[in-house]
Amino acid sequence: MPANPFVNGNSYSFVQIETIVGFLPVAGIKDISYDDDLKRAPVYGTGSVQIGLTRGTYTAKGSIEFHKNAFLIGVLTQFGPGWRQQQTFLNVSYGPNDNGLIQNDVFPAVLFGSAESSNSQSDDGTPLTNKIGLYIPVPILWNGVPSIVETFPLIAVA
């Protein structure tokens, strides 16, 4: 199978994204962005040449920008008072594309962080938005596949 199996030259597009916040599908999303990283550091012995890398620490972050009505219903009404203190999950699906493939990225745990409100006047009637930062404490499942496998997830004591 080729690396980019397109049918009729079409790829995933923004209009094919379905986002479920908690238990509610939310259509009024302007932007959703997320990334994760496994930050490694070099290990040196007594010599000047690197002898290895650390295992690394996993970090993930993201943001989601809602149109005002979607924020009011999808976040404030659904989670109510203390909405930033409630852990939820997020599911982002892309597709299906012309080839029938669906990509499904899952965030098993998400907490809402920073909140921004964009309320500007424009001649084209641009909708008002709210942008929310996401804290993602556990690995994102990229199309259902974790990018790291934790060997000892329950041993750590804080």
N, C-alpha and C. Protein backbone atom coordinates (compact mmCIF):
# COMPACT_ATOMS: atom_id res chain seq x y z
N MET A 1 0.85 -1.18 0.00
CA MET A 1 0.00 0.00 0.00
C MET A 1 0.90 1.24 0.00
N PRO A 2 0.62 2.23 -0.84
CA PRO A 2 1.44 3.43 -0.87
C PRO A 2 1.29 4.24 0.42
N ALA A 3 2.28 5.10 0.70
CA ALA A 3 2.26 5.91 1.91
C ALA A 3 1.09 6.89 1.92
N ASN A 4 0.66 7.37 0.78
CA ASN A 4 -0.46 8.30 0.68
C ASN A 4 -1.54 7.71 -0.23
N PRO A 5 -2.38 6.81 0.30
CA PRO A 5 -3.37 6.15 -0.54
C PRO A 5 -4.58 7.03 -0.83
N PHE A 6 -4.45 7.96 -1.76
CA PHE A 6 -5.55 8.85 -2.12
C PHE A 6 -6.42 8.23 -3.20
N VAL A 7 -7.69 8.56 -3.16
CA VAL A 7 -8.61 8.21 -4.22
C VAL A 7 -9.08 9.54 -4.81
N ASN A 8 -8.96 9.72 -6.07
CA ASN A 8 -9.33 10.96 -6.74
C ASN A 8 -8.55 12.16 -6.21
N GLY A 9 -7.38 11.93 -5.62
CA GLY A 9 -6.52 13.01 -5.16
C GLY A 9 -6.98 13.72 -3.90
N ASN A 10 -8.00 13.21 -3.20
CA ASN A 10 -8.52 13.88 -2.01
C ASN A 10 -7.83 13.39 -0.75
N SER A 11 -7.56 14.31 0.16
CA SER A 11 -6.97 13.99 1.46
C SER A 11 -7.94 14.45 2.54
N TYR A 12 -7.60 14.18 3.81
CA TYR A 12 -8.45 14.65 4.90
C TYR A 12 -8.54 16.17 4.87
N SER A 13 -9.69 16.71 5.24
CA SER A 13 -9.86 18.15 5.30
C SER A 13 -10.54 18.52 6.60
N PHE A 14 -10.49 19.80 6.93
CA PHE A 14 -11.02 20.28 8.20
C PHE A 14 -12.51 19.96 8.35
N VAL A 15 -13.25 20.00 7.26
CA VAL A 15 -14.69 19.76 7.34
C VAL A 15 -15.01 18.31 7.65
N GLN A 16 -14.02 17.43 7.64
CA GLN A 16 -14.24 16.03 7.95
C GLN A 16 -13.91 15.69 9.40
N ILE A 17 -13.64 16.70 10.24
CA ILE A 17 -13.30 16.46 11.64
C ILE A 17 -14.57 16.40 12.47
N GLU A 18 -14.68 15.33 13.28
CA GLU A 18 -15.73 15.24 14.28
C GLU A 18 -15.04 15.22 15.63
N THR A 19 -15.43 16.12 16.52
CA THR A 19 -14.81 16.21 17.83
C THR A 19 -15.84 15.95 18.91
N ILE A 20 -15.51 15.03 19.81
CA ILE A 20 -16.37 14.74 20.95
C ILE A 20 -15.65 15.23 22.20
N VAL A 21 -16.26 16.19 22.89
CA VAL A 21 -15.73 16.74 24.13
C VAL A 21 -16.57 16.16 25.25
N GLY A 22 -15.95 15.37 26.13
CA GLY A 22 -16.73 14.65 27.13
C GLY A 22 -17.63 13.66 26.42
N PHE A 23 -18.92 13.85 26.56
CA PHE A 23 -19.86 12.94 25.90
C PHE A 23 -20.67 13.62 24.81
N LEU A 24 -20.26 14.85 24.42
CA LEU A 24 -21.05 15.63 23.48
C LEU A 24 -20.29 15.91 22.19
N PRO A 25 -20.81 15.49 21.03
CA PRO A 25 -20.18 15.88 19.76
C PRO A 25 -20.34 17.39 19.57
N VAL A 26 -19.23 18.06 19.25
CA VAL A 26 -19.25 19.52 19.10
C VAL A 26 -18.83 19.88 17.68
N ALA A 27 -19.73 20.52 16.93
CA ALA A 27 -19.45 20.87 15.55
C ALA A 27 -18.84 22.26 15.42
N GLY A 28 -19.09 23.14 16.37
CA GLY A 28 -18.67 24.53 16.26
C GLY A 28 -17.24 24.77 16.70
N ILE A 29 -16.31 24.07 16.08
CA ILE A 29 -14.90 24.22 16.42
C ILE A 29 -14.18 24.89 15.26
N LYS A 30 -13.44 25.95 15.57
CA LYS A 30 -12.69 26.68 14.55
C LYS A 30 -11.31 26.08 14.35
N ASP A 31 -10.69 25.61 15.45
CA ASP A 31 -9.33 25.08 15.36
C ASP A 31 -9.09 24.11 16.51
N ILE A 32 -8.41 23.01 16.22
CA ILE A 32 -7.95 22.12 17.27
C ILE A 32 -6.51 21.74 16.93
N SER A 33 -5.62 21.97 17.88
CA SER A 33 -4.20 21.72 17.68
C SER A 33 -3.66 20.96 18.88
N TYR A 34 -2.78 20.00 18.63
CA TYR A 34 -2.18 19.26 19.73
C TYR A 34 -0.86 18.66 19.29
N ASP A 35 0.01 18.43 20.27
CA ASP A 35 1.28 17.79 19.98
C ASP A 35 1.78 17.09 21.24
N ASP A 36 2.68 16.16 21.05
CA ASP A 36 3.34 15.51 22.17
C ASP A 36 4.80 15.29 21.84
N ASP A 37 5.60 15.03 22.87
CA ASP A 37 7.03 14.90 22.68
C ASP A 37 7.59 13.99 23.76
N LEU A 38 8.64 13.29 23.42
CA LEU A 38 9.41 12.51 24.38
C LEU A 38 10.78 13.17 24.43
N LYS A 39 10.98 14.01 25.44
CA LYS A 39 12.21 14.82 25.54
C LYS A 39 13.33 13.98 26.14
N ARG A 40 14.35 13.77 25.36
CA ARG A 40 15.50 12.98 25.79
C ARG A 40 16.69 13.91 26.03
N ALA A 41 17.63 13.44 26.84
CA ALA A 41 18.83 14.21 27.13
C ALA A 41 20.05 13.32 26.92
N PRO A 42 21.16 13.90 26.50
CA PRO A 42 22.36 13.09 26.30
C PRO A 42 22.96 12.62 27.63
N VAL A 43 23.60 11.45 27.58
CA VAL A 43 24.30 10.89 28.74
C VAL A 43 25.77 10.79 28.39
N TYR A 44 26.61 11.31 29.30
CA TYR A 44 28.06 11.28 29.10
C TYR A 44 28.70 10.52 30.25
N GLY A 45 29.74 9.81 29.93
CA GLY A 45 30.56 9.18 30.96
C GLY A 45 31.75 10.07 31.26
N THR A 46 32.92 9.48 31.44
CA THR A 46 34.11 10.26 31.74
C THR A 46 34.73 10.86 30.49
N GLY A 47 34.31 10.39 29.33
CA GLY A 47 34.85 10.92 28.08
C GLY A 47 34.03 12.07 27.54
N SER A 48 34.47 12.60 26.41
CA SER A 48 33.77 13.74 25.81
C SER A 48 32.74 13.31 24.76
N VAL A 49 32.64 12.01 24.51
CA VAL A 49 31.70 11.50 23.52
C VAL A 49 30.46 10.98 24.24
N GLN A 50 29.32 11.34 23.72
CA GLN A 50 28.05 10.89 24.28
C GLN A 50 27.98 9.37 24.25
N ILE A 51 27.51 8.76 25.35
CA ILE A 51 27.41 7.30 25.40
C ILE A 51 25.97 6.81 25.31
N GLY A 52 25.02 7.71 25.31
CA GLY A 52 23.63 7.29 25.21
C GLY A 52 22.68 8.45 25.39
N LEU A 53 21.42 8.09 25.52
CA LEU A 53 20.34 9.05 25.76
C LEU A 53 19.50 8.58 26.93
N THR A 54 18.93 9.53 27.65
CA THR A 54 17.99 9.15 28.70
C THR A 54 16.73 8.60 28.07
N ARG A 55 15.93 7.97 28.89
CA ARG A 55 14.66 7.42 28.41
C ARG A 55 13.72 8.53 27.98
N GLY A 56 13.81 9.66 28.64
CA GLY A 56 13.02 10.82 28.26
C GLY A 56 11.79 11.02 29.12
N THR A 57 11.24 12.22 29.04
CA THR A 57 9.99 12.54 29.73
C THR A 57 8.94 12.93 28.69
N TYR A 58 7.76 12.40 28.85
CA TYR A 58 6.67 12.63 27.91
C TYR A 58 5.91 13.89 28.30
N THR A 59 5.63 14.73 27.32
CA THR A 59 4.77 15.89 27.52
C THR A 59 3.80 16.00 26.34
N ALA A 60 2.61 16.45 26.64
CA ALA A 60 1.61 16.68 25.59
C ALA A 60 0.84 17.95 25.94
N LYS A 61 0.48 18.69 24.91
CA LYS A 61 -0.30 19.91 25.12
C LYS A 61 -1.16 20.15 23.89
N GLY A 62 -2.10 21.04 24.04
CA GLY A 62 -2.94 21.35 22.90
C GLY A 62 -3.84 22.54 23.19
N SER A 63 -4.65 22.86 22.21
CA SER A 63 -5.65 23.92 22.38
C SER A 63 -6.81 23.63 21.45
N ILE A 64 -7.93 24.16 21.83
CA ILE A 64 -9.13 24.00 21.02
C ILE A 64 -9.85 25.35 21.00
N GLU A 65 -10.20 25.80 19.80
CA GLU A 65 -10.89 27.08 19.66
C GLU A 65 -12.32 26.83 19.20
N PHE A 66 -13.25 27.25 20.05
CA PHE A 66 -14.68 27.06 19.80
C PHE A 66 -15.29 28.35 19.28
N HIS A 67 -16.31 28.24 18.44
CA HIS A 67 -17.17 29.39 18.20
C HIS A 67 -17.97 29.58 19.48
N LYS A 68 -18.34 30.81 19.77
CA LYS A 68 -18.92 31.17 21.08
C LYS A 68 -20.05 30.24 21.52
N ASN A 69 -21.02 29.97 20.66
CA ASN A 69 -22.14 29.11 21.05
C ASN A 69 -21.70 27.69 21.38
N ALA A 70 -20.74 27.17 20.63
CA ALA A 70 -20.24 25.81 20.90
C ALA A 70 -19.52 25.75 22.24
N PHE A 71 -18.80 26.83 22.60
CA PHE A 71 -18.14 26.88 23.91
C PHE A 71 -19.17 26.91 25.03
N LEU A 72 -20.20 27.72 24.86
CA LEU A 72 -21.22 27.83 25.90
C LEU A 72 -21.93 26.50 26.14
N ILE A 73 -22.25 25.79 25.06
CA ILE A 73 -22.96 24.52 25.20
C ILE A 73 -22.01 23.35 25.46
N GLY A 74 -20.92 23.28 24.66
CA GLY A 74 -20.01 22.14 24.73
C GLY A 74 -19.15 22.09 25.96
N VAL A 75 -18.88 23.25 26.58
CA VAL A 75 -18.03 23.26 27.76
C VAL A 75 -18.80 23.75 28.98
N LEU A 76 -19.24 25.01 28.95
CA LEU A 76 -19.85 25.59 30.15
C LEU A 76 -21.12 24.87 30.59
N THR A 77 -22.03 24.61 29.67
CA THR A 77 -23.28 23.94 30.03
C THR A 77 -23.04 22.48 30.38
N GLN A 78 -22.18 21.80 29.61
CA GLN A 78 -21.93 20.37 29.85
C GLN A 78 -21.21 20.12 31.17
N PHE A 79 -20.21 20.94 31.50
CA PHE A 79 -19.40 20.69 32.70
C PHE A 79 -19.80 21.55 33.89
N GLY A 80 -20.45 22.69 33.65
CA GLY A 80 -20.96 23.52 34.73
C GLY A 80 -19.89 24.17 35.58
N PRO A 81 -20.26 24.57 36.81
CA PRO A 81 -19.31 25.22 37.70
C PRO A 81 -18.09 24.32 37.95
N GLY A 82 -16.93 24.96 37.96
CA GLY A 82 -15.69 24.20 38.16
C GLY A 82 -15.27 23.44 36.90
N TRP A 83 -15.66 23.95 35.73
CA TRP A 83 -15.38 23.22 34.48
C TRP A 83 -13.89 23.00 34.25
N ARG A 84 -13.03 23.84 34.79
CA ARG A 84 -11.59 23.65 34.64
C ARG A 84 -11.05 22.55 35.57
N GLN A 85 -11.79 22.19 36.57
CA GLN A 85 -11.34 21.22 37.56
C GLN A 85 -11.78 19.80 37.22
N GLN A 86 -12.56 19.63 36.18
CA GLN A 86 -13.09 18.32 35.84
C GLN A 86 -12.27 17.68 34.73
N GLN A 87 -11.81 16.48 34.99
CA GLN A 87 -11.08 15.73 33.96
C GLN A 87 -12.09 15.10 33.02
N THR A 88 -11.81 15.16 31.74
CA THR A 88 -12.69 14.57 30.74
C THR A 88 -11.83 13.88 29.69
N PHE A 89 -12.44 13.44 28.63
CA PHE A 89 -11.69 12.87 27.51
C PHE A 89 -12.10 13.60 26.24
N LEU A 90 -11.26 13.44 25.23
CA LEU A 90 -11.48 14.10 23.96
C LEU A 90 -11.24 13.09 22.86
N ASN A 91 -12.09 13.10 21.86
CA ASN A 91 -11.98 12.19 20.74
C ASN A 91 -12.06 13.01 19.46
N VAL A 92 -11.03 12.91 18.61
CA VAL A 92 -11.00 13.66 17.35
C VAL A 92 -10.92 12.67 16.21
N SER A 93 -11.93 12.66 15.35
CA SER A 93 -11.97 11.74 14.20
C SER A 93 -11.88 12.53 12.91
N TYR A 94 -11.08 12.03 11.97
CA TYR A 94 -10.91 12.63 10.65
C TYR A 94 -11.44 11.66 9.62
N GLY A 95 -12.35 12.10 8.80
CA GLY A 95 -12.82 11.24 7.73
C GLY A 95 -14.29 10.90 7.92
N PRO A 96 -14.79 9.93 7.17
CA PRO A 96 -14.01 9.12 6.24
C PRO A 96 -13.64 9.89 4.98
N ASN A 97 -12.49 9.53 4.44
CA ASN A 97 -12.01 10.11 3.21
C ASN A 97 -12.60 9.33 2.04
N ASP A 98 -12.25 9.72 0.80
CA ASP A 98 -12.76 9.00 -0.37
C ASP A 98 -12.36 7.53 -0.35
N ASN A 99 -11.24 7.21 0.33
CA ASN A 99 -10.80 5.82 0.39
C ASN A 99 -11.42 5.09 1.57
N GLY A 100 -12.30 5.75 2.33
CA GLY A 100 -13.00 5.11 3.42
C GLY A 100 -12.24 5.05 4.74
N LEU A 101 -11.01 5.59 4.78
CA LEU A 101 -10.22 5.54 6.00
C LEU A 101 -10.65 6.62 6.99
N ILE A 102 -10.67 6.25 8.26
CA ILE A 102 -10.95 7.19 9.34
C ILE A 102 -9.78 7.16 10.29
N GLN A 103 -9.29 8.34 10.68
CA GLN A 103 -8.26 8.43 11.70
C GLN A 103 -8.94 8.91 12.97
N ASN A 104 -8.64 8.26 14.09
CA ASN A 104 -9.29 8.57 15.35
C ASN A 104 -8.23 8.80 16.42
N ASP A 105 -7.99 10.06 16.81
CA ASP A 105 -7.05 10.39 17.87
C ASP A 105 -7.81 10.52 19.18
N VAL A 106 -7.32 9.84 20.22
CA VAL A 106 -8.02 9.81 21.50
C VAL A 106 -7.14 10.40 22.58
N PHE A 107 -7.73 11.26 23.40
CA PHE A 107 -7.08 11.82 24.58
C PHE A 107 -7.80 11.20 25.78
N PRO A 108 -7.23 10.17 26.40
CA PRO A 108 -7.93 9.50 27.50
C PRO A 108 -8.20 10.42 28.70
N ALA A 109 -7.37 11.43 28.90
CA ALA A 109 -7.58 12.37 30.00
C ALA A 109 -7.19 13.78 29.53
N VAL A 110 -8.06 14.73 29.81
CA VAL A 110 -7.83 16.13 29.43
C VAL A 110 -8.37 17.02 30.54
N LEU A 111 -7.62 18.08 30.84
CA LEU A 111 -8.09 19.13 31.73
C LEU A 111 -8.01 20.45 30.97
N PHE A 112 -9.01 21.31 31.17
CA PHE A 112 -9.02 22.60 30.50
C PHE A 112 -8.10 23.56 31.25
N GLY A 113 -7.31 24.32 30.49
CA GLY A 113 -6.37 25.27 31.08
C GLY A 113 -6.75 26.70 30.76
N SER A 114 -5.83 27.41 30.13
CA SER A 114 -6.04 28.82 29.83
C SER A 114 -7.28 29.04 28.97
N ALA A 115 -7.92 30.17 29.17
CA ALA A 115 -9.12 30.50 28.40
C ALA A 115 -8.98 31.89 27.81
N GLU A 116 -9.25 32.01 26.52
CA GLU A 116 -9.21 33.30 25.83
C GLU A 116 -10.56 33.53 25.16
N SER A 117 -10.92 34.78 25.07
CA SER A 117 -12.15 35.14 24.38
C SER A 117 -11.82 36.18 23.32
N SER A 118 -12.26 35.93 22.08
CA SER A 118 -12.02 36.85 20.98
C SER A 118 -13.36 37.47 20.59
N ASN A 119 -13.48 38.77 20.84
CA ASN A 119 -14.72 39.48 20.59
C ASN A 119 -14.42 40.74 19.80
N SER A 120 -14.20 40.58 18.49
CA SER A 120 -13.85 41.75 17.69
C SER A 120 -14.88 41.98 16.59
N GLN A 121 -15.05 43.23 16.24
CA GLN A 121 -15.97 43.61 15.17
C GLN A 121 -15.24 43.50 13.85
N SER A 122 -15.96 43.05 12.83
CA SER A 122 -15.38 43.02 11.49
C SER A 122 -16.50 43.22 10.47
N ASP A 123 -16.11 43.66 9.29
CA ASP A 123 -17.10 43.89 8.23
C ASP A 123 -17.68 42.60 7.69
N ASP A 124 -16.92 41.49 7.81
CA ASP A 124 -17.43 40.22 7.28
C ASP A 124 -18.21 39.41 8.30
N GLY A 125 -18.42 39.95 9.50
CA GLY A 125 -19.23 39.26 10.51
C GLY A 125 -18.56 38.02 11.08
N THR A 126 -17.24 38.09 11.27
CA THR A 126 -16.51 36.95 11.82
C THR A 126 -17.11 36.55 13.16
N PRO A 127 -17.39 35.24 13.37
CA PRO A 127 -17.99 34.80 14.62
C PRO A 127 -17.06 34.99 15.82
N LEU A 128 -17.64 35.19 16.98
CA LEU A 128 -16.89 35.31 18.22
C LEU A 128 -16.39 33.92 18.63
N THR A 129 -15.22 33.87 19.29
CA THR A 129 -14.64 32.57 19.64
C THR A 129 -14.09 32.57 21.07
N ASN A 130 -13.90 31.36 21.58
CA ASN A 130 -13.21 31.11 22.84
C ASN A 130 -12.15 30.05 22.57
N LYS A 131 -10.91 30.32 22.99
CA LYS A 131 -9.82 29.37 22.82
C LYS A 131 -9.42 28.85 24.20
N ILE A 132 -9.33 27.52 24.31
CA ILE A 132 -9.04 26.87 25.58
C ILE A 132 -7.76 26.06 25.44
N GLY A 133 -6.83 26.27 26.37
CA GLY A 133 -5.62 25.46 26.42
C GLY A 133 -5.95 24.10 27.04
N LEU A 134 -5.27 23.07 26.59
CA LEU A 134 -5.52 21.72 27.09
C LEU A 134 -4.31 21.18 27.82
N TYR A 135 -4.51 20.65 29.01
CA TYR A 135 -3.50 19.88 29.72
C TYR A 135 -3.79 18.42 29.42
N ILE A 136 -2.79 17.72 28.93
CA ILE A 136 -2.97 16.32 28.52
C ILE A 136 -1.98 15.48 29.33
N PRO A 137 -2.41 14.91 30.48
CA PRO A 137 -1.47 14.24 31.37
C PRO A 137 -1.07 12.81 30.98
N VAL A 138 -1.77 12.20 30.07
CA VAL A 138 -1.44 10.84 29.65
C VAL A 138 -1.24 10.82 28.14
N PRO A 139 -0.52 9.82 27.62
CA PRO A 139 -0.22 9.80 26.18
C PRO A 139 -1.45 9.84 25.28
N ILE A 140 -1.33 10.64 24.22
CA ILE A 140 -2.34 10.69 23.17
C ILE A 140 -2.29 9.37 22.41
N LEU A 141 -3.43 8.84 22.07
CA LEU A 141 -3.50 7.64 21.24
C LEU A 141 -3.68 8.10 19.79
N TRP A 142 -2.58 8.12 19.05
CA TRP A 142 -2.59 8.57 17.65
C TRP A 142 -3.20 7.47 16.81
N ASN A 143 -4.39 7.70 16.34
CA ASN A 143 -5.17 6.71 15.59
C ASN A 143 -5.26 5.41 16.40
N GLY A 144 -5.44 5.55 17.72
CA GLY A 144 -5.59 4.41 18.61
C GLY A 144 -4.29 3.80 19.10
N VAL A 145 -3.14 4.33 18.67
CA VAL A 145 -1.85 3.74 19.01
C VAL A 145 -1.07 4.70 19.91
N PRO A 146 -0.65 4.26 21.12
CA PRO A 146 0.16 5.13 21.97
C PRO A 146 1.57 5.27 21.41
N SER A 147 2.14 6.47 21.54
CA SER A 147 3.49 6.69 21.03
C SER A 147 4.55 6.19 22.00
N ILE A 148 4.20 5.98 23.25
CA ILE A 148 5.11 5.38 24.22
C ILE A 148 4.35 4.35 25.04
N VAL A 149 5.09 3.41 25.59
CA VAL A 149 4.50 2.41 26.49
C VAL A 149 5.24 2.54 27.81
N GLU A 150 4.52 2.91 28.85
CA GLU A 150 5.14 3.11 30.16
C GLU A 150 5.35 1.75 30.82
N THR A 151 6.58 1.48 31.23
CA THR A 151 6.92 0.20 31.83
C THR A 151 6.39 0.06 33.25
N PHE A 152 6.51 1.12 34.03
CA PHE A 152 6.10 1.08 35.44
C PHE A 152 5.14 2.21 35.76
N PRO A 153 3.93 2.22 35.22
CA PRO A 153 3.06 3.37 35.41
C PRO A 153 2.51 3.52 36.84
N LEU A 154 2.47 2.46 37.62
CA LEU A 154 1.84 2.55 38.94
C LEU A 154 2.85 2.58 40.09
N ILE A 155 4.12 2.58 39.80
CA ILE A 155 5.13 2.53 40.86
C ILE A 155 5.47 3.91 41.39
N ALA A 156 5.36 4.94 40.58
CA ALA A 156 5.78 6.27 40.99
C ALA A 156 4.99 6.76 42.19
N VAL A 157 5.70 7.31 43.15
CA VAL A 157 5.08 7.88 44.34
C VAL A 157 5.49 9.35 44.40
N ALA A 158 4.49 10.20 44.50
CA ALA A 158 4.79 11.64 44.53
C ALA A 158 5.03 12.11 45.94
